[in-house]
Amino acid sequence: MNEQNYADMPFEQAIERLEAIVKLMEGDTVPLDENLKLYEEGVALVRRCASELDHAEQRVKILQRTSDGEIKPADFATTDGE
């Protein structure tokens, strides 16, 4: 599967597949050439998941009360400085 095929994959399914790949690669039963294929698939899945998370973060808004008591959406900001 290439990155194009992952675009329509549900996020949760992509995470599950990524977890399965990690488990396979952590074992010592998969031949090197298969490990390389799994690694490439994992990279594609990480990119797909990161893209969706970035998109979700952009959509998140925090409601802030202004000095005049009005509530307005504000850009998402993390508390740890990221």
PDB file of N, CA and C in Angstrom:
ATOM      1  N   MET A   1       0.834  -1.190   0.000  1.00  0.00           N
ATOM      2  CA  MET A   1       0.000   0.000   0.000  1.00  0.00           C
ATOM      3  C   MET A   1       0.873   1.247   0.000  1.00  0.00           C
ATOM      4  N   ASN A   2       0.520   2.249  -0.789  1.00  0.00           N
ATOM      5  CA  ASN A   2       1.289   3.493  -0.773  1.00  0.00           C
ATOM      6  C   ASN A   2       0.524   4.562   0.001  1.00  0.00           C
ATOM      7  N   GLU A   3       1.154   5.738   0.146  1.00  0.00           N
ATOM      8  CA  GLU A   3       0.554   6.807   0.941  1.00  0.00           C
ATOM      9  C   GLU A   3      -0.806   7.222   0.406  1.00  0.00           C
ATOM     10  N   GLN A   4      -0.982   7.178  -0.901  1.00  0.00           N
ATOM     11  CA  GLN A   4      -2.261   7.543  -1.503  1.00  0.00           C
ATOM     12  C   GLN A   4      -3.381   6.645  -0.978  1.00  0.00           C
ATOM     13  N   ASN A   5      -3.099   5.361  -0.787  1.00  0.00           N
ATOM     14  CA  ASN A   5      -4.104   4.429  -0.307  1.00  0.00           C
ATOM     15  C   ASN A   5      -4.499   4.702   1.137  1.00  0.00           C
ATOM     16  N   TYR A   6      -3.625   5.320   1.905  1.00  0.00           N
ATOM     17  CA  TYR A   6      -3.905   5.572   3.320  1.00  0.00           C
ATOM     18  C   TYR A   6      -4.765   6.805   3.527  1.00  0.00           C
ATOM     19  N   ALA A   7      -4.922   7.638   2.529  1.00  0.00           N
ATOM     20  CA  ALA A   7      -5.673   8.880   2.679  1.00  0.00           C
ATOM     21  C   ALA A   7      -7.112   8.633   3.114  1.00  0.00           C
ATOM     22  N   ASP A   8      -7.714   7.558   2.656  1.00  0.00           N
ATOM     23  CA  ASP A   8      -9.101   7.267   2.989  1.00  0.00           C
ATOM     24  C   ASP A   8      -9.248   6.321   4.185  1.00  0.00           C
ATOM     25  N   MET A   9      -8.137   5.836   4.711  1.00  0.00           N
ATOM     26  CA  MET A   9      -8.175   4.911   5.834  1.00  0.00           C
ATOM     27  C   MET A   9      -8.568   5.677   7.101  1.00  0.00           C
ATOM     28  N   PRO A  10      -9.523   5.154   7.868  1.00  0.00           N
ATOM     29  CA  PRO A  10      -9.871   5.809   9.130  1.00  0.00           C
ATOM     30  C   PRO A  10      -8.646   5.919  10.044  1.00  0.00           C
ATOM     31  N   PHE A  11      -8.562   7.005  10.789  1.00  0.00           N
ATOM     32  CA  PHE A  11      -7.423   7.269  11.665  1.00  0.00           C
ATOM     33  C   PHE A  11      -7.176   6.092  12.605  1.00  0.00           C
ATOM     34  N   GLU A  12      -8.224   5.596  13.233  1.00  0.00           N
ATOM     35  CA  GLU A  12      -8.079   4.506  14.200  1.00  0.00           C
ATOM     36  C   GLU A  12      -7.524   3.247  13.545  1.00  0.00           C
ATOM     37  N   GLN A  13      -7.943   2.977  12.331  1.00  0.00           N
ATOM     38  CA  GLN A  13      -7.436   1.816  11.600  1.00  0.00           C
ATOM     39  C   GLN A  13      -5.958   2.005  11.264  1.00  0.00           C
ATOM     40  N   ALA A  14      -5.585   3.215  10.908  1.00  0.00           N
ATOM     41  CA  ALA A  14      -4.180   3.509  10.596  1.00  0.00           C
ATOM     42  C   ALA A  14      -3.313   3.307  11.840  1.00  0.00           C
ATOM     43  N   ILE A  15      -3.793   3.754  12.992  1.00  0.00           N
ATOM     44  CA  ILE A  15      -3.050   3.576  14.244  1.00  0.00           C
ATOM     45  C   ILE A  15      -2.913   2.092  14.575  1.00  0.00           C
ATOM     46  N   GLU A  16      -3.999   1.332  14.414  1.00  0.00           N
ATOM     47  CA  GLU A  16      -3.951  -0.109  14.687  1.00  0.00           C
ATOM     48  C   GLU A  16      -2.929  -0.802  13.791  1.00  0.00           C
ATOM     49  N   ARG A  17      -2.915  -0.438  12.514  1.00  0.00           N
ATOM     50  CA  ARG A  17      -1.956  -1.050  11.581  1.00  0.00           C
ATOM     51  C   ARG A  17      -0.536  -0.654  11.960  1.00  0.00           C
ATOM     52  N   LEU A  18      -0.343   0.583  12.351  1.00  0.00           N
ATOM     53  CA  LEU A  18       0.980   1.038  12.768  1.00  0.00           C
ATOM     54  C   LEU A  18       1.451   0.270  14.001  1.00  0.00           C
ATOM     55  N   GLU A  19       0.562   0.045  14.955  1.00  0.00           N
ATOM     56  CA  GLU A  19       0.910  -0.738  16.142  1.00  0.00           C
ATOM     57  C   GLU A  19       1.282  -2.173  15.772  1.00  0.00           C
ATOM     58  N   ALA A  20       0.553  -2.754  14.824  1.00  0.00           N
ATOM     59  CA  ALA A  20       0.853  -4.112  14.374  1.00  0.00           C
ATOM     60  C   ALA A  20       2.223  -4.164  13.708  1.00  0.00           C
ATOM     61  N   ILE A  21       2.546  -3.153  12.923  1.00  0.00           N
ATOM     62  CA  ILE A  21       3.850  -3.092  12.262  1.00  0.00           C
ATOM     63  C   ILE A  21       4.963  -3.022  13.300  1.00  0.00           C
ATOM     64  N   VAL A  22       4.780  -2.188  14.304  1.00  0.00           N
ATOM     65  CA  VAL A  22       5.796  -2.057  15.361  1.00  0.00           C
ATOM     66  C   VAL A  22       6.022  -3.396  16.045  1.00  0.00           C
ATOM     67  N   LYS A  23       4.953  -4.104  16.369  1.00  0.00           N
ATOM     68  CA  LYS A  23       5.089  -5.416  17.022  1.00  0.00           C
ATOM     69  C   LYS A  23       5.844  -6.403  16.139  1.00  0.00           C
ATOM     70  N   LEU A  24       5.515  -6.404  14.851  1.00  0.00           N
ATOM     71  CA  LEU A  24       6.214  -7.300  13.922  1.00  0.00           C
ATOM     72  C   LEU A  24       7.699  -6.971  13.851  1.00  0.00           C
ATOM     73  N   MET A  25       8.007  -5.678  13.799  1.00  0.00           N
ATOM     74  CA  MET A  25       9.403  -5.267  13.661  1.00  0.00           C
ATOM     75  C   MET A  25      10.194  -5.471  14.948  1.00  0.00           C
ATOM     76  N   GLU A  26       9.523  -5.457  16.081  1.00  0.00           N
ATOM     77  CA  GLU A  26      10.206  -5.680  17.353  1.00  0.00           C
ATOM     78  C   GLU A  26      10.626  -7.145  17.514  1.00  0.00           C
ATOM     79  N   GLY A  27       9.904  -8.027  16.857  1.00  0.00           N
ATOM     80  CA  GLY A  27      10.260  -9.439  16.903  1.00  0.00           C
ATOM     81  C   GLY A  27      11.454  -9.710  16.010  1.00  0.00           C
ATOM     82  N   ASP A  28      11.999 -10.888  16.124  1.00  0.00           N
ATOM     83  CA  ASP A  28      13.169 -11.209  15.293  1.00  0.00           C
ATOM     84  C   ASP A  28      12.853 -12.294  14.265  1.00  0.00           C
ATOM     85  N   THR A  29      11.573 -12.413  13.912  1.00  0.00           N
ATOM     86  CA  THR A  29      11.176 -13.465  12.979  1.00  0.00           C
ATOM     87  C   THR A  29      10.948 -12.964  11.557  1.00  0.00           C
ATOM     88  N   VAL A  30      10.961 -11.656  11.362  1.00  0.00           N
ATOM     89  CA  VAL A  30      10.683 -11.099  10.041  1.00  0.00           C
ATOM     90  C   VAL A  30      12.006 -10.876   9.310  1.00  0.00           C
ATOM     91  N   PRO A  31      12.135 -11.390   8.083  1.00  0.00           N
ATOM     92  CA  PRO A  31      13.364 -11.190   7.304  1.00  0.00           C
ATOM     93  C   PRO A  31      13.610  -9.707   7.012  1.00  0.00           C
ATOM     94  N   LEU A  32      14.852  -9.370   6.743  1.00  0.00           N
ATOM     95  CA  LEU A  32      15.264  -7.992   6.524  1.00  0.00           C
ATOM     96  C   LEU A  32      14.456  -7.305   5.430  1.00  0.00           C
ATOM     97  N   ASP A  33      14.281  -7.956   4.286  1.00  0.00           N
ATOM     98  CA  ASP A  33      13.549  -7.312   3.192  1.00  0.00           C
ATOM     99  C   ASP A  33      12.104  -7.004   3.590  1.00  0.00           C
ATOM    100  N   GLU A  34      11.495  -7.889   4.369  1.00  0.00           N
ATOM    101  CA  GLU A  34      10.132  -7.642   4.850  1.00  0.00           C
ATOM    102  C   GLU A  34      10.129  -6.512   5.884  1.00  0.00           C
ATOM    103  N   ASN A  35      11.166  -6.447   6.718  1.00  0.00           N
ATOM    104  CA  ASN A  35      11.287  -5.361   7.688  1.00  0.00           C
ATOM    105  C   ASN A  35      11.366  -4.011   6.980  1.00  0.00           C
ATOM    106  N   LEU A  36      12.095  -3.964   5.874  1.00  0.00           N
ATOM    107  CA  LEU A  36      12.200  -2.720   5.113  1.00  0.00           C
ATOM    108  C   LEU A  36      10.851  -2.298   4.546  1.00  0.00           C
ATOM    109  N   LYS A  37      10.086  -3.257   4.046  1.00  0.00           N
ATOM    110  CA  LYS A  37       8.745  -2.960   3.533  1.00  0.00           C
ATOM    111  C   LYS A  37       7.838  -2.475   4.660  1.00  0.00           C
ATOM    112  N   LEU A  38       7.930  -3.138   5.802  1.00  0.00           N
ATOM    113  CA  LEU A  38       7.129  -2.727   6.955  1.00  0.00           C
ATOM    114  C   LEU A  38       7.510  -1.322   7.406  1.00  0.00           C
ATOM    115  N   TYR A  39       8.805  -1.033   7.396  1.00  0.00           N
ATOM    116  CA  TYR A  39       9.282   0.300   7.778  1.00  0.00           C
ATOM    117  C   TYR A  39       8.695   1.358   6.843  1.00  0.00           C
ATOM    118  N   GLU A  40       8.750   1.103   5.544  1.00  0.00           N
ATOM    119  CA  GLU A  40       8.203   2.050   4.569  1.00  0.00           C
ATOM    120  C   GLU A  40       6.710   2.252   4.782  1.00  0.00           C
ATOM    121  N   GLU A  41       6.005   1.167   5.045  1.00  0.00           N
ATOM    122  CA  GLU A  41       4.570   1.271   5.311  1.00  0.00           C
ATOM    123  C   GLU A  41       4.331   2.073   6.587  1.00  0.00           C
ATOM    124  N   GLY A  42       5.146   1.822   7.596  1.00  0.00           N
ATOM    125  CA  GLY A  42       5.027   2.554   8.856  1.00  0.00           C
ATOM    126  C   GLY A  42       5.244   4.047   8.674  1.00  0.00           C
ATOM    127  N   VAL A  43       6.236   4.414   7.885  1.00  0.00           N
ATOM    128  CA  VAL A  43       6.505   5.833   7.621  1.00  0.00           C
ATOM    129  C   VAL A  43       5.291   6.472   6.938  1.00  0.00           C
ATOM    130  N   ALA A  44       4.710   5.779   5.973  1.00  0.00           N
ATOM    131  CA  ALA A  44       3.531   6.306   5.283  1.00  0.00           C
ATOM    132  C   ALA A  44       2.368   6.478   6.264  1.00  0.00           C
ATOM    133  N   LEU A  45       2.201   5.524   7.155  1.00  0.00           N
ATOM    134  CA  LEU A  45       1.129   5.611   8.144  1.00  0.00           C
ATOM    135  C   LEU A  45       1.367   6.751   9.133  1.00  0.00           C
ATOM    136  N   VAL A  46       2.605   6.922   9.560  1.00  0.00           N
ATOM    137  CA  VAL A  46       2.930   8.022  10.476  1.00  0.00           C
ATOM    138  C   VAL A  46       2.623   9.361   9.805  1.00  0.00           C
ATOM    139  N   ARG A  47       2.997   9.502   8.551  1.00  0.00           N
ATOM    140  CA  ARG A  47       2.711  10.750   7.824  1.00  0.00           C
ATOM    141  C   ARG A  47       1.217  10.999   7.729  1.00  0.00           C
ATOM    142  N   ARG A  48       0.474   9.957   7.439  1.00  0.00           N
ATOM    143  CA  ARG A  48      -0.986  10.074   7.315  1.00  0.00           C
ATOM    144  C   ARG A  48      -1.600  10.480   8.644  1.00  0.00           C
ATOM    145  N   CYS A  49      -1.189   9.837   9.730  1.00  0.00           N
ATOM    146  CA  CYS A  49      -1.734  10.141  11.055  1.00  0.00           C
ATOM    147  C   CYS A  49      -1.330  11.546  11.500  1.00  0.00           C
ATOM    148  N   ALA A  50      -0.086  11.916  11.267  1.00  0.00           N
ATOM    149  CA  ALA A  50       0.386  13.248  11.642  1.00  0.00           C
ATOM    150  C   ALA A  50      -0.384  14.324  10.884  1.00  0.00           C
ATOM    151  N   SER A  51      -0.663  14.067   9.630  1.00  0.00           N
ATOM    152  CA  SER A  51      -1.422  15.020   8.828  1.00  0.00           C
ATOM    153  C   SER A  51      -2.819  15.207   9.403  1.00  0.00           C
ATOM    154  N   GLU A  52      -3.463  14.121   9.768  1.00  0.00           N
ATOM    155  CA  GLU A  52      -4.811  14.233  10.333  1.00  0.00           C
ATOM    156  C   GLU A  52      -4.787  14.934  11.690  1.00  0.00           C
ATOM    157  N   LEU A  53      -3.782  14.640  12.492  1.00  0.00           N
ATOM    158  CA  LEU A  53      -3.668  15.309  13.786  1.00  0.00           C
ATOM    159  C   LEU A  53      -3.417  16.805  13.615  1.00  0.00           C
ATOM    160  N   ASP A  54      -2.577  17.167  12.653  1.00  0.00           N
ATOM    161  CA  ASP A  54      -2.335  18.582  12.364  1.00  0.00           C
ATOM    162  C   ASP A  54      -3.631  19.273  11.930  1.00  0.00           C
ATOM    163  N   HIS A  55      -4.381  18.591  11.094  1.00  0.00           N
ATOM    164  CA  HIS A  55      -5.653  19.142  10.631  1.00  0.00           C
ATOM    165  C   HIS A  55      -6.618  19.317  11.798  1.00  0.00           C
ATOM    166  N   ALA A  56      -6.681  18.336  12.675  1.00  0.00           N
ATOM    167  CA  ALA A  56      -7.567  18.423  13.837  1.00  0.00           C
ATOM    168  C   ALA A  56      -7.144  19.561  14.756  1.00  0.00           C
ATOM    169  N   GLU A  57      -5.854  19.719  14.949  1.00  0.00           N
ATOM    170  CA  GLU A  57      -5.354  20.791  15.805  1.00  0.00           C
ATOM    171  C   GLU A  57      -5.741  22.158  15.257  1.00  0.00           C
ATOM    172  N   GLN A  58      -5.693  22.308  13.950  1.00  0.00           N
ATOM    173  CA  GLN A  58      -6.063  23.570  13.327  1.00  0.00           C
ATOM    174  C   GLN A  58      -7.534  23.892  13.556  1.00  0.00           C
ATOM    175  N   ARG A  59      -8.350  22.862  13.703  1.00  0.00           N
ATOM    176  CA  ARG A  59      -9.783  23.058  13.877  1.00  0.00           C
ATOM    177  C   ARG A  59     -10.168  23.345  15.320  1.00  0.00           C
ATOM    178  N   VAL A  60      -9.286  23.000  16.226  1.00  0.00           N
ATOM    179  CA  VAL A  60      -9.605  23.182  17.641  1.00  0.00           C
ATOM    180  C   VAL A  60      -9.558  24.669  17.984  1.00  0.00           C
ATOM    181  N   LYS A  61     -10.593  25.105  18.616  1.00  0.00           N
ATOM    182  CA  LYS A  61     -10.645  26.492  19.068  1.00  0.00           C
ATOM    183  C   LYS A  61     -10.955  26.486  20.562  1.00  0.00           C
ATOM    184  N   ILE A  62     -10.364  27.425  21.267  1.00  0.00           N
ATOM    185  CA  ILE A  62     -10.631  27.582  22.680  1.00  0.00           C
ATOM    186  C   ILE A  62     -11.451  28.855  22.837  1.00  0.00           C
ATOM    187  N   LEU A  63     -12.549  28.743  23.566  1.00  0.00           N
ATOM    188  CA  LEU A  63     -13.363  29.923  23.801  1.00  0.00           C
ATOM    189  C   LEU A  63     -12.727  30.765  24.894  1.00  0.00           C
ATOM    190  N   GLN A  64     -12.586  32.026  24.622  1.00  0.00           N
ATOM    191  CA  GLN A  64     -12.002  32.962  25.563  1.00  0.00           C
ATOM    192  C   GLN A  64     -13.003  34.066  25.857  1.00  0.00           C
ATOM    193  N   ARG A  65     -13.062  34.471  27.102  1.00  0.00           N
ATOM    194  CA  ARG A  65     -13.905  35.597  27.461  1.00  0.00           C
ATOM    195  C   ARG A  65     -13.063  36.866  27.344  1.00  0.00           C
ATOM    196  N   THR A  66     -13.558  37.834  26.583  1.00  0.00           N
ATOM    197  CA  THR A  66     -12.848  39.092  26.421  1.00  0.00           C
ATOM    198  C   THR A  66     -13.116  39.986  27.625  1.00  0.00           C
ATOM    199  N   SER A  67     -12.417  41.105  27.689  1.00  0.00           N
ATOM    200  CA  SER A  67     -12.558  42.023  28.826  1.00  0.00           C
ATOM    201  C   SER A  67     -13.974  42.582  28.948  1.00  0.00           C
ATOM    202  N   ASP A  68     -14.709  42.634  27.841  1.00  0.00           N
ATOM    203  CA  ASP A  68     -16.086  43.134  27.906  1.00  0.00           C
ATOM    204  C   ASP A  68     -17.109  42.019  28.113  1.00  0.00           C
ATOM    205  N   GLY A  69     -16.626  40.816  28.438  1.00  0.00           N
ATOM    206  CA  GLY A  69     -17.510  39.698  28.765  1.00  0.00           C
ATOM    207  C   GLY A  69     -17.970  38.869  27.582  1.00  0.00           C
ATOM    208  N   GLU A  70     -17.557  39.248  26.398  1.00  0.00           N
ATOM    209  CA  GLU A  70     -17.932  38.507  25.200  1.00  0.00           C
ATOM    210  C   GLU A  70     -17.093  37.237  25.087  1.00  0.00           C
ATOM    211  N   ILE A  71     -17.689  36.186  24.563  1.00  0.00           N
ATOM    212  CA  ILE A  71     -16.942  34.944  24.355  1.00  0.00           C
ATOM    213  C   ILE A  71     -16.628  34.831  22.869  1.00  0.00           C
ATOM    214  N   LYS A  72     -15.330  34.676  22.568  1.00  0.00           N
ATOM    215  CA  LYS A  72     -14.883  34.579  21.182  1.00  0.00           C
ATOM    216  C   LYS A  72     -13.962  33.377  21.035  1.00  0.00           C
ATOM    217  N   PRO A  73     -13.983  32.749  19.843  1.00  0.00           N
ATOM    218  CA  PRO A  73     -13.031  31.644  19.627  1.00  0.00           C
ATOM    219  C   PRO A  73     -11.617  32.195  19.497  1.00  0.00           C
ATOM    220  N   ALA A  74     -10.673  31.453  20.047  1.00  0.00           N
ATOM    221  CA  ALA A  74      -9.262  31.819  19.947  1.00  0.00           C
ATOM    222  C   ALA A  74      -8.511  30.647  19.361  1.00  0.00           C
ATOM    223  N   ASP A  75      -7.358  30.917  18.784  1.00  0.00           N
ATOM    224  CA  ASP A  75      -6.535  29.846  18.239  1.00  0.00           C
ATOM    225  C   ASP A  75      -6.129  28.883  19.328  1.00  0.00           C
ATOM    226  N   PHE A  76      -6.005  27.615  18.953  1.00  0.00           N
ATOM    227  CA  PHE A  76      -5.553  26.579  19.875  1.00  0.00           C
ATOM    228  C   PHE A  76      -4.126  26.854  20.288  1.00  0.00           C
ATOM    229  N   ALA A  77      -3.836  26.720  21.569  1.00  0.00           N
ATOM    230  CA  ALA A  77      -2.471  26.848  22.074  1.00  0.00           C
ATOM    231  C   ALA A  77      -2.296  25.832  23.186  1.00  0.00           C
ATOM    232  N   THR A  78      -1.170  25.131  23.169  1.00  0.00           N
ATOM    233  CA  THR A  78      -0.918  24.150  24.217  1.00  0.00           C
ATOM    234  C   THR A  78      -0.353  24.827  25.437  1.00  0.00           C
ATOM    235  N   THR A  79      -0.470  24.171  26.581  1.00  0.00           N
ATOM    236  CA  THR A  79       0.017  24.745  27.821  1.00  0.00           C
ATOM    237  C   THR A  79       1.499  24.500  28.031  1.00  0.00           C
ATOM    238  N   ASP A  80       2.109  23.606  27.244  1.00  0.00           N
ATOM    239  CA  ASP A  80       3.526  23.299  27.427  1.00  0.00           C
ATOM    240  C   ASP A  80       4.438  24.035  26.442  1.00  0.00           C
ATOM    241  N   GLY A  81       3.890  25.055  25.802  1.00  0.00           N
ATOM    242  CA  GLY A  81       4.707  25.901  24.940  1.00  0.00           C
ATOM    243  C   GLY A  81       4.883  25.416  23.525  1.00  0.00           C
ATOM    244  N   GLU A  82       4.236  24.360  23.123  1.00  0.00           N
ATOM    245  CA  GLU A  82       4.366  23.864  21.740  1.00  0.00           C
ATOM    246  C   GLU A  82       3.505  24.661  20.804  1.00  0.00           C
TER     247      GLU A  82
END
